[in-house]
Amino acid sequence: DELAENYATGPTPRFPVSWIVRRALGGDINTVEKVVNDPRFQEAV
């Protein structure tokens, strides 16, 4: 609960940037935000 929260900010990426984001990170930016704020991710190795 002390860990800073992360937020998807700025304009929503559009193609081709959205394609590069999905290619590099494995999902769209909103999915990335959800995953990195999930306690299972935060407590994992």
PDB file of all heavy atoms in Angstrom:
ATOM      1  N   ASP A   1       0.814  -1.214   0.000  1.00  0.00           N
ATOM      2  CA  ASP A   1       0.000   0.000   0.000  1.00  0.00           C
ATOM      3  C   ASP A   1       0.850   1.267   0.000  1.00  0.00           C
ATOM      4  O   ASP A   1       0.347   2.367  -0.229  1.00  0.00           O
ATOM      5  CB  ASP A   1      -0.965   0.016   1.185  1.00  0.00           C
ATOM      6  CG  ASP A   1      -0.259  -0.024   2.537  1.00  0.00           C
ATOM      7  OD1 ASP A   1       0.890  -0.518   2.593  1.00  0.00           O
ATOM      8  OD2 ASP A   1      -0.854   0.433   3.536  1.00  0.00           O
ATOM      9  N   GLU A   2       2.159   1.139   0.231  1.00  0.00           N
ATOM     10  CA  GLU A   2       3.055   2.294   0.195  1.00  0.00           C
ATOM     11  C   GLU A   2       3.607   2.553  -1.202  1.00  0.00           C
ATOM     12  O   GLU A   2       4.171   3.613  -1.470  1.00  0.00           O
ATOM     13  CB  GLU A   2       4.224   2.083   1.166  1.00  0.00           C
ATOM     14  CG  GLU A   2       3.809   1.940   2.625  1.00  0.00           C
ATOM     15  CD  GLU A   2       5.000   1.668   3.527  1.00  0.00           C
ATOM     16  OE1 GLU A   2       5.984   2.442   3.460  1.00  0.00           O
ATOM     17  OE2 GLU A   2       4.961   0.677   4.281  1.00  0.00           O
ATOM     18  N   LEU A   3       3.453   1.579  -2.101  1.00  0.00           N
ATOM     19  CA  LEU A   3       3.982   1.694  -3.455  1.00  0.00           C
ATOM     20  C   LEU A   3       3.169   2.707  -4.251  1.00  0.00           C
ATOM     21  O   LEU A   3       1.944   2.700  -4.218  1.00  0.00           O
ATOM     22  CB  LEU A   3       3.933   0.326  -4.144  1.00  0.00           C
ATOM     23  CG  LEU A   3       4.626   0.180  -5.489  1.00  0.00           C
ATOM     24  CD1 LEU A   3       6.127   0.352  -5.351  1.00  0.00           C
ATOM     25  CD2 LEU A   3       4.305  -1.182  -6.088  1.00  0.00           C
ATOM     26  N   ALA A   4       3.859   3.583  -4.970  1.00  0.00           N
ATOM     27  CA  ALA A   4       3.166   4.588  -5.776  1.00  0.00           C
ATOM     28  C   ALA A   4       2.338   3.923  -6.866  1.00  0.00           C
ATOM     29  O   ALA A   4       2.741   2.910  -7.439  1.00  0.00           O
ATOM     30  CB  ALA A   4       4.183   5.540  -6.400  1.00  0.00           C
ATOM     31  N   GLU A   5       1.177   4.503  -7.145  1.00  0.00           N
ATOM     32  CA  GLU A   5       0.303   3.981  -8.194  1.00  0.00           C
ATOM     33  C   GLU A   5       0.741   4.537  -9.541  1.00  0.00           C
ATOM     34  O   GLU A   5       1.250   5.659  -9.634  1.00  0.00           O
ATOM     35  CB  GLU A   5      -1.144   4.378  -7.911  1.00  0.00           C
ATOM     36  CG  GLU A   5      -2.149   3.701  -8.815  1.00  0.00           C
ATOM     37  CD  GLU A   5      -3.574   3.857  -8.329  1.00  0.00           C
ATOM     38  OE1 GLU A   5      -3.771   4.401  -7.226  1.00  0.00           O
ATOM     39  OE2 GLU A   5      -4.496   3.428  -9.051  1.00  0.00           O
ATOM     40  N   ASN A   6       0.559   3.750 -10.599  1.00  0.00           N
ATOM     41  CA  ASN A   6       0.918   4.181 -11.946  1.00  0.00           C
ATOM     42  C   ASN A   6      -0.329   4.424 -12.771  1.00  0.00           C
ATOM     43  O   ASN A   6      -1.334   3.714 -12.633  1.00  0.00           O
ATOM     44  CB  ASN A   6       1.804   3.129 -12.617  1.00  0.00           C
ATOM     45  CG  ASN A   6       3.199   3.092 -12.005  1.00  0.00           C
ATOM     46  OD1 ASN A   6       4.062   3.887 -12.341  1.00  0.00           O
ATOM     47  ND2 ASN A   6       3.415   2.169 -11.079  1.00  0.00           N
ATOM     48  N   TYR A   7      -0.259   5.419 -13.659  1.00  0.00           N
ATOM     49  CA  TYR A   7      -1.428   5.839 -14.417  1.00  0.00           C
ATOM     50  C   TYR A   7      -1.132   5.929 -15.909  1.00  0.00           C
ATOM     51  O   TYR A   7      -0.096   6.468 -16.314  1.00  0.00           O
ATOM     52  CB  TYR A   7      -1.893   7.229 -13.948  1.00  0.00           C
ATOM     53  CG  TYR A   7      -2.334   7.289 -12.502  1.00  0.00           C
ATOM     54  CD1 TYR A   7      -1.426   7.582 -11.484  1.00  0.00           C
ATOM     55  CD2 TYR A   7      -3.665   7.058 -12.149  1.00  0.00           C
ATOM     56  CE1 TYR A   7      -1.826   7.652 -10.155  1.00  0.00           C
ATOM     57  CE2 TYR A   7      -4.082   7.127 -10.822  1.00  0.00           C
ATOM     58  CZ  TYR A   7      -3.159   7.428  -9.831  1.00  0.00           C
ATOM     59  OH  TYR A   7      -3.562   7.491  -8.512  1.00  0.00           O
ATOM     60  N   ALA A   8      -2.062   5.400 -16.724  1.00  0.00           N
ATOM     61  CA  ALA A   8      -1.995   5.607 -18.168  1.00  0.00           C
ATOM     62  C   ALA A   8      -2.455   7.038 -18.432  1.00  0.00           C
ATOM     63  O   ALA A   8      -3.600   7.389 -18.150  1.00  0.00           O
ATOM     64  CB  ALA A   8      -2.888   4.606 -18.892  1.00  0.00           C
ATOM     65  N   THR A   9      -1.565   7.867 -18.914  1.00  0.00           N
ATOM     66  CA  THR A   9      -1.865   9.280 -19.122  1.00  0.00           C
ATOM     67  C   THR A   9      -1.543   9.674 -20.558  1.00  0.00           C
ATOM     68  O   THR A   9      -0.964   8.905 -21.322  1.00  0.00           O
ATOM     69  CB  THR A   9      -1.043  10.157 -18.170  1.00  0.00           C
ATOM     70  OG1 THR A   9       0.357   9.863 -18.347  1.00  0.00           O
ATOM     71  CG2 THR A   9      -1.425   9.908 -16.721  1.00  0.00           C
ATOM     72  N   GLY A  10      -1.912  10.881 -20.908  1.00  0.00           N
ATOM     73  CA  GLY A  10      -1.644  11.377 -22.253  1.00  0.00           C
ATOM     74  C   GLY A  10      -2.653  10.847 -23.259  1.00  0.00           C
ATOM     75  O   GLY A  10      -3.503  10.002 -22.943  1.00  0.00           O
ATOM     76  N   PRO A  11      -2.572  11.322 -24.499  1.00  0.00           N
ATOM     77  CA  PRO A  11      -3.491  10.868 -25.542  1.00  0.00           C
ATOM     78  C   PRO A  11      -3.388   9.363 -25.758  1.00  0.00           C
ATOM     79  O   PRO A  11      -2.305   8.783 -25.671  1.00  0.00           O
ATOM     80  CB  PRO A  11      -3.009  11.627 -26.796  1.00  0.00           C
ATOM     81  CG  PRO A  11      -2.253  12.801 -26.257  1.00  0.00           C
ATOM     82  CD  PRO A  11      -1.616  12.338 -24.987  1.00  0.00           C
ATOM     83  N   THR A  12      -4.501   8.716 -26.039  1.00  0.00           N
ATOM     84  CA  THR A  12      -4.509   7.280 -26.306  1.00  0.00           C
ATOM     85  C   THR A  12      -3.706   6.988 -27.565  1.00  0.00           C
ATOM     86  O   THR A  12      -3.946   7.593 -28.612  1.00  0.00           O
ATOM     87  CB  THR A  12      -5.943   6.771 -26.496  1.00  0.00           C
ATOM     88  OG1 THR A  12      -6.699   7.060 -25.318  1.00  0.00           O
ATOM     89  CG2 THR A  12      -5.957   5.269 -26.752  1.00  0.00           C
ATOM     90  N   PRO A  13      -2.716   6.095 -27.482  1.00  0.00           N
ATOM     91  CA  PRO A  13      -1.891   5.800 -28.662  1.00  0.00           C
ATOM     92  C   PRO A  13      -2.721   5.240 -29.812  1.00  0.00           C
ATOM     93  O   PRO A  13      -3.611   4.430 -29.610  1.00  0.00           O
ATOM     94  CB  PRO A  13      -0.898   4.745 -28.132  1.00  0.00           C
ATOM     95  CG  PRO A  13      -0.895   4.919 -26.657  1.00  0.00           C
ATOM     96  CD  PRO A  13      -2.282   5.341 -26.295  1.00  0.00           C
ATOM     97  N   ARG A  14      -2.404   5.704 -31.025  1.00  0.00           N
ATOM     98  CA  ARG A  14      -3.057   5.216 -32.234  1.00  0.00           C
ATOM     99  C   ARG A  14      -2.036   4.501 -33.108  1.00  0.00           C
ATOM    100  O   ARG A  14      -0.850   4.627 -32.921  1.00  0.00           O
ATOM    101  CB  ARG A  14      -3.683   6.395 -33.010  1.00  0.00           C
ATOM    102  CG  ARG A  14      -4.646   7.240 -32.197  1.00  0.00           C
ATOM    103  CD  ARG A  14      -5.864   6.441 -31.753  1.00  0.00           C
ATOM    104  NE  ARG A  14      -6.810   7.269 -30.994  1.00  0.00           N
ATOM    105  CZ  ARG A  14      -7.858   6.786 -30.359  1.00  0.00           C
ATOM    106  NH1 ARG A  14      -8.109   5.480 -30.392  1.00  0.00           N
ATOM    107  NH2 ARG A  14      -8.669   7.581 -29.692  1.00  0.00           N
ATOM    108  N   PHE A  15      -2.521   3.747 -34.073  1.00  0.00           N
ATOM    109  CA  PHE A  15      -1.632   3.053 -34.996  1.00  0.00           C
ATOM    110  C   PHE A  15      -0.777   4.085 -35.753  1.00  0.00           C
ATOM    111  O   PHE A  15      -1.304   5.128 -36.157  1.00  0.00           O
ATOM    112  CB  PHE A  15      -2.461   2.231 -35.987  1.00  0.00           C
ATOM    113  CG  PHE A  15      -1.623   1.396 -36.926  1.00  0.00           C
ATOM    114  CD1 PHE A  15      -1.176   0.142 -36.546  1.00  0.00           C
ATOM    115  CD2 PHE A  15      -1.269   1.882 -38.168  1.00  0.00           C
ATOM    116  CE1 PHE A  15      -0.390  -0.623 -37.396  1.00  0.00           C
ATOM    117  CE2 PHE A  15      -0.481   1.129 -39.022  1.00  0.00           C
ATOM    118  CZ  PHE A  15      -0.042  -0.129 -38.636  1.00  0.00           C
ATOM    119  N   PRO A  16       0.526   3.850 -35.951  1.00  0.00           N
ATOM    120  CA  PRO A  16       1.274   2.619 -35.669  1.00  0.00           C
ATOM    121  C   PRO A  16       1.866   2.551 -34.252  1.00  0.00           C
ATOM    122  O   PRO A  16       2.419   1.532 -33.879  1.00  0.00           O
ATOM    123  CB  PRO A  16       2.393   2.669 -36.706  1.00  0.00           C
ATOM    124  CG  PRO A  16       2.691   4.122 -36.841  1.00  0.00           C
ATOM    125  CD  PRO A  16       1.353   4.817 -36.713  1.00  0.00           C
ATOM    126  N   VAL A  17       1.742   3.656 -33.482  1.00  0.00           N
ATOM    127  CA  VAL A  17       2.332   3.661 -32.139  1.00  0.00           C
ATOM    128  C   VAL A  17       1.687   2.587 -31.271  1.00  0.00           C
ATOM    129  O   VAL A  17       2.366   1.886 -30.518  1.00  0.00           O
ATOM    130  CB  VAL A  17       2.181   5.047 -31.483  1.00  0.00           C
ATOM    131  CG1 VAL A  17       2.664   5.009 -30.039  1.00  0.00           C
ATOM    132  CG2 VAL A  17       2.966   6.089 -32.279  1.00  0.00           C
ATOM    133  N   SER A  18       0.375   2.435 -31.379  1.00  0.00           N
ATOM    134  CA  SER A  18      -0.319   1.432 -30.572  1.00  0.00           C
ATOM    135  C   SER A  18       0.179   0.030 -30.901  1.00  0.00           C
ATOM    136  O   SER A  18       0.274  -0.834 -30.022  1.00  0.00           O
ATOM    137  CB  SER A  18      -1.828   1.526 -30.799  1.00  0.00           C
ATOM    138  OG  SER A  18      -2.152   1.328 -32.171  1.00  0.00           O
ATOM    139  N   TRP A  19       0.522  -0.202 -32.169  1.00  0.00           N
ATOM    140  CA  TRP A  19       1.038  -1.507 -32.582  1.00  0.00           C
ATOM    141  C   TRP A  19       2.402  -1.769 -31.941  1.00  0.00           C
ATOM    142  O   TRP A  19       2.683  -2.867 -31.469  1.00  0.00           O
ATOM    143  CB  TRP A  19       1.150  -1.549 -34.102  1.00  0.00           C
ATOM    144  CG  TRP A  19       1.787  -2.797 -34.640  1.00  0.00           C
ATOM    145  CD1 TRP A  19       1.217  -4.029 -34.805  1.00  0.00           C
ATOM    146  CD2 TRP A  19       3.145  -2.932 -35.076  1.00  0.00           C
ATOM    147  NE1 TRP A  19       2.126  -4.921 -35.326  1.00  0.00           N
ATOM    148  CE2 TRP A  19       3.312  -4.279 -35.500  1.00  0.00           C
ATOM    149  CE3 TRP A  19       4.222  -2.055 -35.164  1.00  0.00           C
ATOM    150  CZ2 TRP A  19       4.529  -4.754 -35.997  1.00  0.00           C
ATOM    151  CZ3 TRP A  19       5.431  -2.523 -35.660  1.00  0.00           C
ATOM    152  CH2 TRP A  19       5.572  -3.861 -36.065  1.00  0.00           C
ATOM    153  N   ILE A  20       3.250  -0.737 -31.904  1.00  0.00           N
ATOM    154  CA  ILE A  20       4.574  -0.871 -31.301  1.00  0.00           C
ATOM    155  C   ILE A  20       4.448  -1.121 -29.800  1.00  0.00           C
ATOM    156  O   ILE A  20       5.151  -1.950 -29.221  1.00  0.00           O
ATOM    157  CB  ILE A  20       5.428   0.389 -31.573  1.00  0.00           C
ATOM    158  CG1 ILE A  20       5.701   0.509 -33.076  1.00  0.00           C
ATOM    159  CG2 ILE A  20       6.737   0.337 -30.795  1.00  0.00           C
ATOM    160  CD1 ILE A  20       6.394   1.801 -33.467  1.00  0.00           C
ATOM    161  N   VAL A  21       3.520  -0.400 -29.142  1.00  0.00           N
ATOM    162  CA  VAL A  21       3.296  -0.579 -27.706  1.00  0.00           C
ATOM    163  C   VAL A  21       2.867  -2.015 -27.409  1.00  0.00           C
ATOM    164  O   VAL A  21       3.392  -2.661 -26.498  1.00  0.00           O
ATOM    165  CB  VAL A  21       2.242   0.422 -27.181  1.00  0.00           C
ATOM    166  CG1 VAL A  21       1.834   0.067 -25.759  1.00  0.00           C
ATOM    167  CG2 VAL A  21       2.789   1.844 -27.243  1.00  0.00           C
ATOM    168  N   ARG A  22       1.918  -2.507 -28.184  1.00  0.00           N
ATOM    169  CA  ARG A  22       1.438  -3.876 -27.967  1.00  0.00           C
ATOM    170  C   ARG A  22       2.547  -4.890 -28.252  1.00  0.00           C
ATOM    171  O   ARG A  22       2.693  -5.879 -27.537  1.00  0.00           O
ATOM    172  CB  ARG A  22       0.229  -4.156 -28.864  1.00  0.00           C
ATOM    173  CG  ARG A  22      -0.383  -5.534 -28.661  1.00  0.00           C
ATOM    174  CD  ARG A  22      -1.624  -5.700 -29.530  1.00  0.00           C
ATOM    175  NE  ARG A  22      -2.698  -4.837 -29.072  1.00  0.00           N
ATOM    176  CZ  ARG A  22      -3.549  -5.157 -28.122  1.00  0.00           C
ATOM    177  NH1 ARG A  22      -3.449  -6.322 -27.501  1.00  0.00           N
ATOM    178  NH2 ARG A  22      -4.506  -4.320 -27.765  1.00  0.00           N
ATOM    179  N   ARG A  23       3.356  -4.613 -29.257  1.00  0.00           N
ATOM    180  CA  ARG A  23       4.457  -5.508 -29.622  1.00  0.00           C
ATOM    181  C   ARG A  23       5.503  -5.561 -28.505  1.00  0.00           C
ATOM    182  O   ARG A  23       6.033  -6.608 -28.173  1.00  0.00           O
ATOM    183  CB  ARG A  23       5.081  -5.005 -30.921  1.00  0.00           C
ATOM    184  CG  ARG A  23       6.264  -5.812 -31.452  1.00  0.00           C
ATOM    185  CD  ARG A  23       6.761  -5.158 -32.734  1.00  0.00           C
ATOM    186  NE  ARG A  23       7.990  -5.740 -33.221  1.00  0.00           N
ATOM    187  CZ  ARG A  23       8.053  -6.761 -34.065  1.00  0.00           C
ATOM    188  NH1 ARG A  23       6.931  -7.322 -34.486  1.00  0.00           N
ATOM    189  NH2 ARG A  23       9.219  -7.228 -34.480  1.00  0.00           N
ATOM    190  N   ALA A  24       5.802  -4.383 -27.918  1.00  0.00           N
ATOM    191  CA  ALA A  24       6.848  -4.309 -26.899  1.00  0.00           C
ATOM    192  C   ALA A  24       6.354  -4.748 -25.526  1.00  0.00           C
ATOM    193  O   ALA A  24       7.086  -5.409 -24.778  1.00  0.00           O
ATOM    194  CB  ALA A  24       7.400  -2.883 -26.824  1.00  0.00           C
ATOM    195  N   LEU A  25       5.119  -4.363 -25.183  1.00  0.00           N
ATOM    196  CA  LEU A  25       4.625  -4.579 -23.827  1.00  0.00           C
ATOM    197  C   LEU A  25       3.607  -5.702 -23.708  1.00  0.00           C
ATOM    198  O   LEU A  25       3.238  -6.080 -22.596  1.00  0.00           O
ATOM    199  CB  LEU A  25       4.019  -3.274 -23.280  1.00  0.00           C
ATOM    200  CG  LEU A  25       4.962  -2.065 -23.255  1.00  0.00           C
ATOM    201  CD1 LEU A  25       4.219  -0.840 -22.743  1.00  0.00           C
ATOM    202  CD2 LEU A  25       6.194  -2.346 -22.404  1.00  0.00           C
ATOM    203  N   GLY A  26       3.130  -6.207 -24.825  1.00  0.00           N
ATOM    204  CA  GLY A  26       2.214  -7.332 -24.778  1.00  0.00           C
ATOM    205  C   GLY A  26       0.763  -6.963 -24.562  1.00  0.00           C
ATOM    206  O   GLY A  26      -0.070  -7.834 -24.305  1.00  0.00           O
ATOM    207  N   GLY A  27       0.427  -5.677 -24.649  1.00  0.00           N
ATOM    208  CA  GLY A  27      -0.957  -5.256 -24.470  1.00  0.00           C
ATOM    209  C   GLY A  27      -1.103  -3.773 -24.704  1.00  0.00           C
ATOM    210  O   GLY A  27      -0.105  -3.050 -24.829  1.00  0.00           O
ATOM    211  N   ASP A  28      -2.345  -3.290 -24.771  1.00  0.00           N
ATOM    212  CA  ASP A  28      -2.554  -1.855 -24.928  1.00  0.00           C
ATOM    213  C   ASP A  28      -2.242  -1.153 -23.606  1.00  0.00           C
ATOM    214  O   ASP A  28      -2.096  -1.793 -22.560  1.00  0.00           O
ATOM    215  CB  ASP A  28      -3.983  -1.552 -25.384  1.00  0.00           C
ATOM    216  CG  ASP A  28      -5.017  -1.998 -24.357  1.00  0.00           C
ATOM    217  OD1 ASP A  28      -5.119  -1.359 -23.293  1.00  0.00           O
ATOM    218  OD2 ASP A  28      -5.709  -3.011 -24.602  1.00  0.00           O
ATOM    219  N   ILE A  29      -2.158   0.154 -23.651  1.00  0.00           N
ATOM    220  CA  ILE A  29      -1.661   0.907 -22.498  1.00  0.00           C
ATOM    221  C   ILE A  29      -2.604   0.814 -21.306  1.00  0.00           C
ATOM    222  O   ILE A  29      -2.160   0.831 -20.138  1.00  0.00           O
ATOM    223  CB  ILE A  29      -1.403   2.382 -22.886  1.00  0.00           C
ATOM    224  CG1 ILE A  29      -0.444   3.023 -21.883  1.00  0.00           C
ATOM    225  CG2 ILE A  29      -2.685   3.150 -23.038  1.00  0.00           C
ATOM    226  CD1 ILE A  29       0.929   2.392 -21.849  1.00  0.00           C
ATOM    227  N   ASN A  30      -3.895   0.693 -21.545  1.00  0.00           N
ATOM    228  CA  ASN A  30      -4.832   0.566 -20.419  1.00  0.00           C
ATOM    229  C   ASN A  30      -4.699  -0.794 -19.736  1.00  0.00           C
ATOM    230  O   ASN A  30      -4.837  -0.900 -18.510  1.00  0.00           O
ATOM    231  CB  ASN A  30      -6.267   0.786 -20.907  1.00  0.00           C
ATOM    232  CG  ASN A  30      -6.519   2.228 -21.321  1.00  0.00           C
ATOM    233  OD1 ASN A  30      -6.112   3.154 -20.622  1.00  0.00           O
ATOM    234  ND2 ASN A  30      -7.158   2.417 -22.463  1.00  0.00           N
ATOM    235  N   THR A  31      -4.406  -1.820 -20.526  1.00  0.00           N
ATOM    236  CA  THR A  31      -4.151  -3.134 -19.936  1.00  0.00           C
ATOM    237  C   THR A  31      -2.875  -3.096 -19.113  1.00  0.00           C
ATOM    238  O   THR A  31      -2.810  -3.670 -18.018  1.00  0.00           O
ATOM    239  CB  THR A  31      -4.033  -4.201 -21.043  1.00  0.00           C
ATOM    240  OG1 THR A  31      -5.268  -4.274 -21.765  1.00  0.00           O
ATOM    241  CG2 THR A  31      -3.721  -5.570 -20.442  1.00  0.00           C
ATOM    242  N   VAL A  32      -1.862  -2.419 -19.638  1.00  0.00           N
ATOM    243  CA  VAL A  32      -0.600  -2.283 -18.906  1.00  0.00           C
ATOM    244  C   VAL A  32      -0.835  -1.598 -17.565  1.00  0.00           C
ATOM    245  O   VAL A  32      -0.339  -2.041 -16.523  1.00  0.00           O
ATOM    246  CB  VAL A  32       0.430  -1.494 -19.740  1.00  0.00           C
ATOM    247  CG1 VAL A  32       1.666  -1.161 -18.896  1.00  0.00           C
ATOM    248  CG2 VAL A  32       0.840  -2.293 -20.974  1.00  0.00           C
ATOM    249  N   GLU A  33      -1.637  -0.522 -17.563  1.00  0.00           N
ATOM    250  CA  GLU A  33      -1.940   0.183 -16.314  1.00  0.00           C
ATOM    251  C   GLU A  33      -2.612  -0.758 -15.312  1.00  0.00           C
ATOM    252  O   GLU A  33      -2.254  -0.783 -14.125  1.00  0.00           O
ATOM    253  CB  GLU A  33      -2.864   1.372 -16.585  1.00  0.00           C
ATOM    254  CG  GLU A  33      -3.274   2.116 -15.315  1.00  0.00           C
ATOM    255  CD  GLU A  33      -4.414   3.086 -15.548  1.00  0.00           C
ATOM    256  OE1 GLU A  33      -5.489   2.632 -16.000  1.00  0.00           O
ATOM    257  OE2 GLU A  33      -4.235   4.279 -15.283  1.00  0.00           O
ATOM    258  N   LYS A  34      -3.552  -1.545 -15.786  1.00  0.00           N
ATOM    259  CA  LYS A  34      -4.273  -2.466 -14.902  1.00  0.00           C
ATOM    260  C   LYS A  34      -3.332  -3.510 -14.316  1.00  0.00           C
ATOM    261  O   LYS A  34      -3.372  -3.814 -13.116  1.00  0.00           O
ATOM    262  CB  LYS A  34      -5.402  -3.138 -15.679  1.00  0.00           C
ATOM    263  CG  LYS A  34      -6.250  -4.093 -14.843  1.00  0.00           C
ATOM    264  CD  LYS A  34      -7.378  -4.693 -15.676  1.00  0.00           C
ATOM    265  CE  LYS A  34      -8.213  -5.657 -14.853  1.00  0.00           C
ATOM    266  NZ  LYS A  34      -9.327  -6.259 -15.662  1.00  0.00           N
ATOM    267  N   VAL A  35      -2.444  -4.038 -15.152  1.00  0.00           N
ATOM    268  CA  VAL A  35      -1.534  -5.090 -14.704  1.00  0.00           C
ATOM    269  C   VAL A  35      -0.554  -4.568 -13.674  1.00  0.00           C
ATOM    270  O   VAL A  35      -0.341  -5.183 -12.619  1.00  0.00           O
ATOM    271  CB  VAL A  35      -0.767  -5.694 -15.903  1.00  0.00           C
ATOM    272  CG1 VAL A  35       0.370  -6.600 -15.419  1.00  0.00           C
ATOM    273  CG2 VAL A  35      -1.718  -6.476 -16.796  1.00  0.00           C
ATOM    274  N   VAL A  36       0.072  -3.411 -13.940  1.00  0.00           N
ATOM    275  CA  VAL A  36       1.134  -2.938 -13.042  1.00  0.00           C
ATOM    276  C   VAL A  36       0.592  -2.448 -11.700  1.00  0.00           C
ATOM    277  O   VAL A  36       1.364  -2.315 -10.739  1.00  0.00           O
ATOM    278  CB  VAL A  36       1.979  -1.836 -13.709  1.00  0.00           C
ATOM    279  CG1 VAL A  36       2.636  -2.361 -14.974  1.00  0.00           C
ATOM    280  CG2 VAL A  36       1.159  -0.582 -13.998  1.00  0.00           C
ATOM    281  N   ASN A  37      -0.709  -2.203 -11.625  1.00  0.00           N
ATOM    282  CA  ASN A  37      -1.299  -1.823 -10.343  1.00  0.00           C
ATOM    283  C   ASN A  37      -1.963  -3.003  -9.638  1.00  0.00           C
ATOM    284  O   ASN A  37      -2.559  -2.844  -8.572  1.00  0.00           O
ATOM    285  CB  ASN A  37      -2.324  -0.701 -10.546  1.00  0.00           C
ATOM    286  CG  ASN A  37      -1.660   0.629 -10.876  1.00  0.00           C
ATOM    287  OD1 ASN A  37      -0.652   0.997 -10.270  1.00  0.00           O
ATOM    288  ND2 ASN A  37      -2.208   1.343 -11.848  1.00  0.00           N
ATOM    289  N   ASP A  38      -1.842  -4.188 -10.233  1.00  0.00           N
ATOM    290  CA  ASP A  38      -2.387  -5.405  -9.640  1.00  0.00           C
ATOM    291  C   ASP A  38      -1.440  -5.874  -8.533  1.00  0.00           C
ATOM    292  O   ASP A  38      -0.243  -6.034  -8.769  1.00  0.00           O
ATOM    293  CB  ASP A  38      -2.496  -6.489 -10.725  1.00  0.00           C
ATOM    294  CG  ASP A  38      -3.251  -7.727 -10.256  1.00  0.00           C
ATOM    295  OD1 ASP A  38      -3.009  -8.183  -9.114  1.00  0.00           O
ATOM    296  OD2 ASP A  38      -4.058  -8.249 -11.048  1.00  0.00           O
ATOM    297  N   PRO A  39      -1.938  -6.091  -7.317  1.00  0.00           N
ATOM    298  CA  PRO A  39      -1.068  -6.546  -6.226  1.00  0.00           C
ATOM    299  C   PRO A  39      -0.293  -7.816  -6.558  1.00  0.00           C
ATOM    300  O   PRO A  39       0.812  -8.017  -6.054  1.00  0.00           O
ATOM    301  CB  PRO A  39      -2.055  -6.785  -5.071  1.00  0.00           C
ATOM    302  CG  PRO A  39      -3.189  -5.868  -5.366  1.00  0.00           C
ATOM    303  CD  PRO A  39      -3.320  -5.852  -6.858  1.00  0.00           C
ATOM    304  N   ARG A  40      -0.834  -8.658  -7.434  1.00  0.00           N
ATOM    305  CA  ARG A  40      -0.107  -9.875  -7.809  1.00  0.00           C
ATOM    306  C   ARG A  40       1.164  -9.537  -8.583  1.00  0.00           C
ATOM    307  O   ARG A  40       2.200 -10.187  -8.400  1.00  0.00           O
ATOM    308  CB  ARG A  40      -1.015 -10.797  -8.628  1.00  0.00           C
ATOM    309  CG  ARG A  40      -2.199 -11.354  -7.832  1.00  0.00           C
ATOM    310  CD  ARG A  40      -3.137 -12.134  -8.736  1.00  0.00           C
ATOM    311  NE  ARG A  40      -3.747 -11.274  -9.748  1.00  0.00           N
ATOM    312  CZ  ARG A  40      -4.534 -11.711 -10.730  1.00  0.00           C
ATOM    313  NH1 ARG A  40      -4.815 -13.012 -10.829  1.00  0.00           N
ATOM    314  NH2 ARG A  40      -5.054 -10.869 -11.602  1.00  0.00           N
ATOM    315  N   PHE A  41       1.098  -8.521  -9.440  1.00  0.00           N
ATOM    316  CA  PHE A  41       2.296  -8.052 -10.142  1.00  0.00           C
ATOM    317  C   PHE A  41       3.246  -7.373  -9.163  1.00  0.00           C
ATOM    318  O   PHE A  41       4.456  -7.590  -9.187  1.00  0.00           O
ATOM    319  CB  PHE A  41       1.901  -7.063 -11.251  1.00  0.00           C
ATOM    320  CG  PHE A  41       3.080  -6.381 -11.915  1.00  0.00           C
ATOM    321  CD1 PHE A  41       3.688  -6.956 -13.023  1.00  0.00           C
ATOM    322  CD2 PHE A  41       3.570  -5.173 -11.430  1.00  0.00           C
ATOM    323  CE1 PHE A  41       4.774  -6.334 -13.633  1.00  0.00           C
ATOM    324  CE2 PHE A  41       4.650  -4.544 -12.036  1.00  0.00           C
ATOM    325  CZ  PHE A  41       5.255  -5.134 -13.138  1.00  0.00           C
ATOM    326  N   GLN A  42       2.687  -6.556  -8.297  1.00  0.00           N
ATOM    327  CA  GLN A  42       3.510  -5.774  -7.370  1.00  0.00           C
ATOM    328  C   GLN A  42       4.248  -6.641  -6.356  1.00  0.00           C
ATOM    329  O   GLN A  42       5.325  -6.270  -5.883  1.00  0.00           O
ATOM    330  CB  GLN A  42       2.618  -4.754  -6.646  1.00  0.00           C
ATOM    331  CG  GLN A  42       2.028  -3.709  -7.582  1.00  0.00           C
ATOM    332  CD  GLN A  42       0.927  -2.876  -6.929  1.00  0.00           C
ATOM    333  OE1 GLN A  42       0.276  -3.317  -5.975  1.00  0.00           O
ATOM    334  NE2 GLN A  42       0.711  -1.679  -7.436  1.00  0.00           N
ATOM    335  N   GLU A  43       3.691  -7.787  -6.032  1.00  0.00           N
ATOM    336  CA  GLU A  43       4.306  -8.669  -5.039  1.00  0.00           C
ATOM    337  C   GLU A  43       5.127  -9.791  -5.676  1.00  0.00           C
ATOM    338  O   GLU A  43       5.804 -10.541  -4.966  1.00  0.00           O
ATOM    339  CB  GLU A  43       3.216  -9.272  -4.138  1.00  0.00           C
ATOM    340  CG  GLU A  43       2.466  -8.231  -3.315  1.00  0.00           C
ATOM    341  CD  GLU A  43       1.243  -8.813  -2.614  1.00  0.00           C
ATOM    342  OE1 GLU A  43       1.165 -10.062  -2.513  1.00  0.00           O
ATOM    343  OE2 GLU A  43       0.369  -8.035  -2.175  1.00  0.00           O
ATOM    344  N   ALA A  44       5.076  -9.910  -7.005  1.00  0.00           N
ATOM    345  CA  ALA A  44       5.771 -10.989  -7.693  1.00  0.00           C
ATOM    346  C   ALA A  44       7.259 -10.679  -7.845  1.00  0.00           C
ATOM    347  O   ALA A  44       7.743  -9.612  -7.438  1.00  0.00           O
ATOM    348  CB  ALA A  44       5.140 -11.219  -9.064  1.00  0.00           C
ATOM    349  N   VAL A  45       7.993 -11.617  -8.426  1.00  0.00           N
ATOM    350  CA  VAL A  45       9.400 -11.422  -8.771  1.00  0.00           C
ATOM    351  C   VAL A  45       9.495 -11.473 -10.288  1.00  0.00           C
ATOM    352  O   VAL A  45       9.346 -12.534 -10.896  1.00  0.00           O
ATOM    353  CB  VAL A  45      10.295 -12.511  -8.141  1.00  0.00           C
ATOM    354  CG1 VAL A  45      11.738 -12.370  -8.636  1.00  0.00           C
ATOM    355  CG2 VAL A  45      10.244 -12.410  -6.625  1.00  0.00           C
TER     356      VAL A  45
END
